[in-house]
Amino acid sequence: MNRIILFLYSLKGIFLPKPFKEDFLLKDITDSLKDLEYYGIEHDKENMKNDARACGKG
């Protein structure tokens, strides 16, 4: 019986979410938002250039 309990306890991290630290989660979210902001601005600039070309103004 102890072997089964130890085996199930060893699988705890596989089937159940592992505990996380709030600081790590906040840093990950902040980094993702920075990437989104950077790529979003660049993507908008490219779309504006394409729109201007399509209208014959660029």
N, C-alpha and C. Protein backbone atom coordinates (compact mmCIF):
# COMPACT_ATOMS: atom_id res chain seq x y z
N MET A 1 0.82 -1.19 0.00
CA MET A 1 0.00 0.00 0.00
C MET A 1 0.86 1.26 0.00
N ASN A 2 1.96 1.22 0.72
CA ASN A 2 2.85 2.38 0.77
C ASN A 2 3.45 2.67 -0.60
N ARG A 3 3.74 1.63 -1.36
CA ARG A 3 4.30 1.82 -2.70
C ARG A 3 3.31 2.57 -3.59
N ILE A 4 2.06 2.22 -3.48
CA ILE A 4 1.03 2.88 -4.30
C ILE A 4 0.93 4.36 -3.91
N ILE A 5 0.94 4.63 -2.63
CA ILE A 5 0.85 6.02 -2.17
C ILE A 5 2.07 6.81 -2.63
N LEU A 6 3.25 6.24 -2.51
CA LEU A 6 4.46 6.93 -2.96
C LEU A 6 4.45 7.14 -4.46
N PHE A 7 3.96 6.14 -5.19
CA PHE A 7 3.89 6.27 -6.65
C PHE A 7 2.93 7.39 -7.04
N LEU A 8 1.76 7.41 -6.43
CA LEU A 8 0.79 8.47 -6.73
C LEU A 8 1.32 9.84 -6.33
N TYR A 9 2.01 9.91 -5.22
CA TYR A 9 2.59 11.18 -4.78
C TYR A 9 3.66 11.65 -5.76
N SER A 10 4.41 10.72 -6.34
CA SER A 10 5.45 11.11 -7.30
C SER A 10 4.85 11.62 -8.60
N LEU A 11 3.62 11.23 -8.91
CA LEU A 11 2.94 11.68 -10.13
C LEU A 11 2.18 12.98 -9.93
N LYS A 12 2.22 13.53 -8.74
CA LYS A 12 1.44 14.72 -8.42
C LYS A 12 1.73 15.88 -9.36
N GLY A 13 2.97 16.10 -9.72
CA GLY A 13 3.32 17.20 -10.60
C GLY A 13 2.92 16.98 -12.05
N ILE A 14 2.65 15.75 -12.43
CA ILE A 14 2.29 15.45 -13.81
C ILE A 14 0.81 15.74 -14.07
N PHE A 15 -0.04 15.30 -13.17
CA PHE A 15 -1.48 15.41 -13.39
C PHE A 15 -2.10 16.66 -12.78
N LEU A 16 -1.50 17.17 -11.75
CA LEU A 16 -2.02 18.36 -11.09
C LEU A 16 -1.10 19.53 -11.39
N PRO A 17 -1.65 20.73 -11.49
CA PRO A 17 -0.77 21.87 -11.75
C PRO A 17 0.19 22.08 -10.59
N LYS A 18 1.40 22.41 -10.93
CA LYS A 18 2.41 22.66 -9.91
C LYS A 18 2.17 24.04 -9.31
N PRO A 19 2.50 24.19 -8.04
CA PRO A 19 2.34 25.52 -7.44
C PRO A 19 3.27 26.52 -8.13
N PHE A 20 2.86 27.74 -8.22
CA PHE A 20 3.66 28.75 -8.90
C PHE A 20 3.80 29.96 -8.00
N LYS A 21 4.81 30.73 -8.29
CA LYS A 21 5.02 31.95 -7.53
C LYS A 21 4.38 33.10 -8.28
N GLU A 22 3.74 33.97 -7.55
CA GLU A 22 3.03 35.09 -8.16
C GLU A 22 3.99 36.02 -8.90
N ASP A 23 5.19 36.22 -8.36
CA ASP A 23 6.16 37.10 -9.01
C ASP A 23 6.54 36.59 -10.39
N PHE A 24 6.73 35.29 -10.51
CA PHE A 24 7.07 34.71 -11.81
C PHE A 24 5.95 34.90 -12.80
N LEU A 25 4.72 34.69 -12.35
CA LEU A 25 3.56 34.85 -13.23
C LEU A 25 3.42 36.30 -13.69
N LEU A 26 3.59 37.26 -12.78
CA LEU A 26 3.49 38.67 -13.14
C LEU A 26 4.58 39.07 -14.11
N LYS A 27 5.80 38.56 -13.92
CA LYS A 27 6.90 38.87 -14.84
C LYS A 27 6.60 38.30 -16.22
N ASP A 28 6.07 37.09 -16.27
CA ASP A 28 5.74 36.46 -17.55
C ASP A 28 4.65 37.26 -18.28
N ILE A 29 3.65 37.71 -17.56
CA ILE A 29 2.58 38.51 -18.17
C ILE A 29 3.13 39.84 -18.66
N THR A 30 3.97 40.49 -17.86
CA THR A 30 4.54 41.77 -18.25
C THR A 30 5.40 41.63 -19.50
N ASP A 31 6.22 40.59 -19.56
CA ASP A 31 7.05 40.36 -20.74
C ASP A 31 6.18 40.10 -21.97
N SER A 32 5.11 39.36 -21.81
CA SER A 32 4.21 39.08 -22.93
C SER A 32 3.56 40.36 -23.43
N LEU A 33 3.16 41.22 -22.51
CA LEU A 33 2.53 42.49 -22.91
C LEU A 33 3.52 43.39 -23.63
N LYS A 34 4.78 43.39 -23.18
CA LYS A 34 5.81 44.18 -23.87
C LYS A 34 6.00 43.68 -25.30
N ASP A 35 6.06 42.37 -25.47
CA ASP A 35 6.20 41.80 -26.82
C ASP A 35 4.99 42.15 -27.67
N LEU A 36 3.81 42.05 -27.10
CA LEU A 36 2.59 42.36 -27.84
C LEU A 36 2.57 43.82 -28.26
N GLU A 37 2.98 44.70 -27.36
CA GLU A 37 3.00 46.13 -27.67
C GLU A 37 3.99 46.41 -28.80
N TYR A 38 5.18 45.82 -28.73
CA TYR A 38 6.20 46.06 -29.75
C TYR A 38 5.74 45.54 -31.11
N TYR A 39 5.32 44.30 -31.15
CA TYR A 39 4.94 43.72 -32.44
C TYR A 39 3.65 44.32 -32.95
N GLY A 40 2.77 44.73 -32.07
CA GLY A 40 1.53 45.35 -32.49
C GLY A 40 1.78 46.67 -33.20
N ILE A 41 2.67 47.49 -32.67
CA ILE A 41 2.99 48.77 -33.29
C ILE A 41 3.65 48.56 -34.64
N GLU A 42 4.59 47.64 -34.72
CA GLU A 42 5.27 47.37 -35.99
C GLU A 42 4.28 46.84 -37.02
N HIS A 43 3.39 45.99 -36.59
CA HIS A 43 2.39 45.43 -37.51
C HIS A 43 1.46 46.53 -38.03
N ASP A 44 1.08 47.45 -37.15
CA ASP A 44 0.22 48.57 -37.58
C ASP A 44 0.93 49.45 -38.59
N LYS A 45 2.22 49.71 -38.38
CA LYS A 45 2.98 50.53 -39.33
C LYS A 45 3.00 49.87 -40.70
N GLU A 46 3.23 48.57 -40.73
CA GLU A 46 3.27 47.85 -42.00
C GLU A 46 1.90 47.88 -42.68
N ASN A 47 0.84 47.73 -41.91
CA ASN A 47 -0.51 47.80 -42.48
C ASN A 47 -0.80 49.18 -43.06
N MET A 48 -0.34 50.24 -42.38
CA MET A 48 -0.56 51.60 -42.89
C MET A 48 0.18 51.80 -44.20
N LYS A 49 1.40 51.28 -44.28
CA LYS A 49 2.17 51.39 -45.53
C LYS A 49 1.46 50.66 -46.66
N ASN A 50 0.97 49.47 -46.38
CA ASN A 50 0.25 48.69 -47.40
C ASN A 50 -1.03 49.38 -47.83
N ASP A 51 -1.74 49.97 -46.89
CA ASP A 51 -2.97 50.70 -47.23
C ASP A 51 -2.66 51.91 -48.10
N ALA A 52 -1.58 52.62 -47.79
CA ALA A 52 -1.21 53.79 -48.58
C ALA A 52 -0.82 53.37 -49.99
N ARG A 53 -0.10 52.26 -50.12
CA ARG A 53 0.28 51.76 -51.45
C ARG A 53 -0.96 51.37 -52.24
N ALA A 54 -1.91 50.74 -51.59
CA ALA A 54 -3.13 50.29 -52.27
C ALA A 54 -3.96 51.48 -52.77
N CYS A 55 -3.89 52.58 -52.06
CA CYS A 55 -4.64 53.78 -52.48
C CYS A 55 -3.85 54.62 -53.48
N GLY A 56 -2.62 54.24 -53.76
CA GLY A 56 -1.79 54.98 -54.71
C GLY A 56 -1.16 56.23 -54.13
N LYS A 57 -1.06 56.29 -52.81
CA LYS A 57 -0.48 57.48 -52.17
C LYS A 57 0.93 57.23 -51.68
N GLY A 58 1.45 56.02 -51.81
CA GLY A 58 2.74 55.74 -51.23
C GLY A 58 3.70 55.24 -52.15
